[in-house]
């Protein structure tokens, strides 16, 4: 499980950097870009799994868990700004 968590955290870091680079800014509190961490649960061997939510300034949201770097959800705004 430790390797899955390390891979997951690495992928979250890479994607966070990509989100920031794609929009030309760093993830900061001043911008509309953000990264939020919360608990997703535990594995059968009692290892914590975290959920990271990455949002860029255009409203694109990716939710990734640290268990193997699995993409749980990807939302993008449509032409009217509604997430889907």
N, C-alpha and C. Protein backbone atom coordinates (compact mmCIF):
# COMPACT_ATOMS: atom_id res chain seq x y z
N UNK A 1 0.82 -1.20 0.00
CA UNK A 1 0.00 0.00 0.00
C UNK A 1 0.86 1.25 0.00
N UNK A 2 2.04 1.21 0.62
CA UNK A 2 2.89 2.39 0.68
C UNK A 2 3.28 2.85 -0.72
N UNK A 3 3.53 1.91 -1.62
CA UNK A 3 3.89 2.28 -2.99
C UNK A 3 2.70 2.90 -3.70
N UNK A 4 1.48 2.35 -3.52
CA UNK A 4 0.30 2.96 -4.12
C UNK A 4 0.11 4.39 -3.65
N UNK A 5 0.32 4.62 -2.35
CA UNK A 5 0.17 5.97 -1.80
C UNK A 5 1.22 6.91 -2.37
N UNK A 6 2.46 6.43 -2.47
CA UNK A 6 3.53 7.26 -3.03
C UNK A 6 3.23 7.60 -4.48
N UNK A 7 2.77 6.63 -5.25
CA UNK A 7 2.41 6.89 -6.65
C UNK A 7 1.27 7.89 -6.71
N UNK A 8 0.28 7.70 -5.85
CA UNK A 8 -0.86 8.62 -5.82
C UNK A 8 -0.46 10.04 -5.50
N UNK A 9 0.39 10.21 -4.47
CA UNK A 9 0.84 11.55 -4.11
C UNK A 9 1.68 12.18 -5.21
N UNK A 10 2.50 11.36 -5.87
CA UNK A 10 3.31 11.86 -6.99
C UNK A 10 2.40 12.35 -8.11
N UNK A 11 1.38 11.56 -8.45
CA UNK A 11 0.48 11.97 -9.53
C UNK A 11 -0.32 13.21 -9.17
N UNK A 12 -0.73 13.33 -7.92
CA UNK A 12 -1.43 14.54 -7.49
C UNK A 12 -0.52 15.75 -7.67
N UNK A 13 0.75 15.62 -7.27
CA UNK A 13 1.70 16.73 -7.41
C UNK A 13 1.91 17.08 -8.87
N UNK A 14 2.05 16.08 -9.73
CA UNK A 14 2.24 16.33 -11.16
C UNK A 14 1.02 17.01 -11.75
N UNK A 15 -0.17 16.51 -11.42
CA UNK A 15 -1.39 17.12 -11.96
C UNK A 15 -1.60 18.53 -11.44
N UNK A 16 -1.27 18.77 -10.17
CA UNK A 16 -1.40 20.12 -9.62
C UNK A 16 -0.48 21.08 -10.36
N UNK A 17 0.72 20.63 -10.66
CA UNK A 17 1.67 21.45 -11.42
C UNK A 17 1.14 21.69 -12.83
N UNK A 18 0.58 20.65 -13.43
CA UNK A 18 0.00 20.78 -14.77
C UNK A 18 -1.17 21.74 -14.80
N UNK A 19 -2.03 21.68 -13.80
CA UNK A 19 -3.16 22.60 -13.72
C UNK A 19 -2.65 24.03 -13.63
N UNK A 20 -1.63 24.24 -12.80
CA UNK A 20 -1.08 25.58 -12.65
C UNK A 20 -0.41 26.04 -13.93
N UNK A 21 0.37 25.17 -14.55
CA UNK A 21 1.10 25.54 -15.76
C UNK A 21 0.16 25.82 -16.93
N UNK A 22 -0.88 25.02 -17.03
CA UNK A 22 -1.82 25.18 -18.15
C UNK A 22 -2.52 26.52 -18.12
N UNK A 23 -2.70 27.06 -16.93
CA UNK A 23 -3.38 28.34 -16.84
C UNK A 23 -2.42 29.50 -16.65
N UNK A 24 -1.12 29.20 -16.58
CA UNK A 24 -0.12 30.25 -16.50
C UNK A 24 0.05 30.86 -15.13
N UNK A 25 -0.40 30.19 -14.08
CA UNK A 25 -0.25 30.74 -12.73
C UNK A 25 -0.05 29.60 -11.75
N UNK A 26 0.45 29.94 -10.58
CA UNK A 26 0.61 28.94 -9.53
C UNK A 26 -0.68 28.81 -8.75
N UNK A 27 -0.85 27.65 -8.09
CA UNK A 27 -2.01 27.47 -7.24
C UNK A 27 -1.84 28.34 -5.99
N UNK A 28 -2.60 29.39 -5.89
CA UNK A 28 -2.48 30.31 -4.76
C UNK A 28 -3.86 30.65 -4.22
N UNK A 29 -3.88 31.17 -3.01
CA UNK A 29 -5.14 31.57 -2.40
C UNK A 29 -5.70 32.80 -3.10
N UNK A 30 -4.83 33.61 -3.71
CA UNK A 30 -5.29 34.84 -4.35
C UNK A 30 -6.06 34.57 -5.64
N UNK A 31 -5.72 33.50 -6.31
CA UNK A 31 -6.39 33.19 -7.58
C UNK A 31 -7.58 32.29 -7.32
N UNK A 32 -8.31 31.97 -8.37
CA UNK A 32 -9.45 31.07 -8.25
C UNK A 32 -9.01 29.62 -8.34
N UNK A 33 -7.72 29.38 -8.45
CA UNK A 33 -7.19 28.03 -8.49
C UNK A 33 -6.99 27.55 -7.07
N UNK A 34 -7.26 26.27 -6.85
CA UNK A 34 -7.07 25.77 -5.50
C UNK A 34 -6.87 24.25 -5.50
N UNK A 35 -6.32 23.80 -4.38
CA UNK A 35 -6.15 22.38 -4.14
C UNK A 35 -6.65 22.11 -2.73
N UNK A 36 -7.55 21.15 -2.61
CA UNK A 36 -8.15 20.81 -1.32
C UNK A 36 -7.89 19.34 -1.02
N UNK A 37 -7.54 19.03 0.21
CA UNK A 37 -7.28 17.65 0.63
C UNK A 37 -8.31 17.25 1.67
N UNK A 38 -8.86 16.03 1.53
CA UNK A 38 -9.77 15.50 2.53
C UNK A 38 -9.61 13.98 2.60
N UNK A 39 -10.12 13.40 3.66
CA UNK A 39 -10.02 11.95 3.83
C UNK A 39 -11.02 11.27 2.90
N UNK A 40 -10.57 10.21 2.22
CA UNK A 40 -11.44 9.41 1.36
C UNK A 40 -11.87 8.13 2.06
N UNK A 41 -11.07 7.72 3.06
CA UNK A 41 -11.38 6.50 3.81
C UNK A 41 -10.11 5.72 4.09
N UNK A 42 -10.29 4.43 4.36
CA UNK A 42 -9.16 3.56 4.66
C UNK A 42 -9.26 2.29 3.84
N UNK A 43 -8.09 1.70 3.58
CA UNK A 43 -8.05 0.43 2.88
C UNK A 43 -8.34 -0.70 3.88
N UNK A 44 -8.44 -1.93 3.36
CA UNK A 44 -8.70 -3.08 4.24
C UNK A 44 -7.57 -3.31 5.24
N UNK A 45 -6.35 -2.85 4.92
CA UNK A 45 -5.24 -2.98 5.87
C UNK A 45 -5.03 -1.70 6.68
N UNK A 46 -6.09 -0.88 6.77
CA UNK A 46 -6.15 0.31 7.63
C UNK A 46 -5.22 1.45 7.22
N UNK A 47 -4.87 1.56 5.94
CA UNK A 47 -4.05 2.67 5.44
C UNK A 47 -4.99 3.81 5.01
N UNK A 48 -4.63 5.03 5.39
CA UNK A 48 -5.41 6.20 5.01
C UNK A 48 -5.34 6.43 3.50
N UNK A 49 -6.46 6.79 2.92
CA UNK A 49 -6.52 7.20 1.51
C UNK A 49 -7.08 8.61 1.50
N UNK A 50 -6.35 9.53 0.86
CA UNK A 50 -6.77 10.93 0.79
C UNK A 50 -7.37 11.24 -0.58
N UNK A 51 -8.24 12.23 -0.60
CA UNK A 51 -8.85 12.72 -1.83
C UNK A 51 -8.39 14.15 -2.03
N UNK A 52 -7.78 14.42 -3.18
CA UNK A 52 -7.36 15.78 -3.53
C UNK A 52 -8.30 16.31 -4.60
N UNK A 53 -8.79 17.52 -4.40
CA UNK A 53 -9.62 18.19 -5.39
C UNK A 53 -8.81 19.37 -5.93
N UNK A 54 -8.52 19.33 -7.24
CA UNK A 54 -7.76 20.39 -7.91
C UNK A 54 -8.73 21.17 -8.79
N UNK A 55 -8.72 22.49 -8.65
CA UNK A 55 -9.60 23.35 -9.45
C UNK A 55 -8.77 24.45 -10.06
N UNK A 56 -8.92 24.68 -11.39
CA UNK A 56 -8.17 25.77 -12.01
C UNK A 56 -9.05 27.00 -12.16
N UNK A 57 -8.47 28.08 -12.66
CA UNK A 57 -9.19 29.36 -12.75
C UNK A 57 -10.38 29.31 -13.70
N UNK A 58 -10.41 28.33 -14.60
CA UNK A 58 -11.53 28.20 -15.54
C UNK A 58 -12.66 27.33 -14.99
N UNK A 59 -12.48 26.81 -13.78
CA UNK A 59 -13.52 26.00 -13.15
C UNK A 59 -13.40 24.51 -13.41
N UNK A 60 -12.35 24.07 -14.10
CA UNK A 60 -12.14 22.64 -14.31
C UNK A 60 -11.74 22.02 -12.98
N UNK A 61 -12.41 20.92 -12.62
CA UNK A 61 -12.17 20.28 -11.33
C UNK A 61 -11.82 18.82 -11.52
N UNK A 62 -10.69 18.39 -10.94
CA UNK A 62 -10.26 16.99 -10.96
C UNK A 62 -10.17 16.51 -9.52
N UNK A 63 -10.75 15.33 -9.25
CA UNK A 63 -10.68 14.73 -7.91
C UNK A 63 -9.90 13.43 -8.03
N UNK A 64 -8.81 13.33 -7.25
CA UNK A 64 -7.86 12.22 -7.36
C UNK A 64 -7.60 11.65 -5.98
N UNK A 65 -7.62 10.30 -5.87
CA UNK A 65 -7.29 9.68 -4.59
C UNK A 65 -5.84 9.20 -4.60
N UNK A 66 -5.27 9.10 -3.40
CA UNK A 66 -3.88 8.70 -3.28
C UNK A 66 -3.70 7.18 -3.39
N UNK A 67 -4.75 6.44 -3.54
CA UNK A 67 -4.66 4.99 -3.74
C UNK A 67 -4.40 4.74 -5.22
N UNK A 68 -3.13 4.79 -5.61
CA UNK A 68 -2.75 4.55 -7.00
C UNK A 68 -2.96 5.74 -7.92
N UNK A 69 -3.28 6.90 -7.37
CA UNK A 69 -3.48 8.09 -8.20
C UNK A 69 -4.71 7.99 -9.07
N UNK A 70 -5.78 7.37 -8.56
CA UNK A 70 -7.00 7.14 -9.34
C UNK A 70 -7.78 8.44 -9.49
N UNK A 71 -8.14 8.76 -10.73
CA UNK A 71 -9.00 9.91 -11.02
C UNK A 71 -10.43 9.50 -10.71
N UNK A 72 -11.02 10.12 -9.70
CA UNK A 72 -12.36 9.76 -9.25
C UNK A 72 -13.41 10.56 -10.02
N UNK A 73 -13.09 11.82 -10.33
CA UNK A 73 -14.06 12.69 -10.98
C UNK A 73 -13.33 13.77 -11.77
N UNK A 74 -13.90 14.13 -12.92
CA UNK A 74 -13.39 15.24 -13.73
C UNK A 74 -14.59 16.03 -14.22
N UNK A 75 -14.65 17.29 -13.84
CA UNK A 75 -15.77 18.16 -14.24
C UNK A 75 -15.24 19.36 -14.99
N UNK A 76 -15.91 19.73 -16.05
CA UNK A 76 -15.56 20.93 -16.80
C UNK A 76 -16.82 21.75 -17.04
N UNK A 77 -16.69 23.06 -17.07
CA UNK A 77 -17.87 23.89 -17.34
C UNK A 77 -18.25 23.84 -18.82
N UNK A 78 -19.55 23.84 -19.10
CA UNK A 78 -20.01 23.91 -20.48
C UNK A 78 -20.05 25.36 -20.94
N UNK A 79 -20.58 25.62 -22.11
CA UNK A 79 -20.58 26.99 -22.63
C UNK A 79 -21.37 27.97 -21.77
N UNK A 80 -22.28 27.44 -20.93
CA UNK A 80 -23.06 28.29 -20.03
C UNK A 80 -22.45 28.38 -18.63
N UNK A 81 -21.31 27.70 -18.42
CA UNK A 81 -20.64 27.74 -17.14
C UNK A 81 -21.09 26.68 -16.15
N UNK A 82 -22.00 25.79 -16.58
CA UNK A 82 -22.48 24.73 -15.70
C UNK A 82 -21.51 23.55 -15.72
N UNK A 83 -21.17 23.07 -14.51
CA UNK A 83 -20.24 21.93 -14.43
C UNK A 83 -20.93 20.64 -14.85
N UNK A 84 -20.19 19.83 -15.58
CA UNK A 84 -20.73 18.54 -16.01
C UNK A 84 -19.63 17.56 -16.30
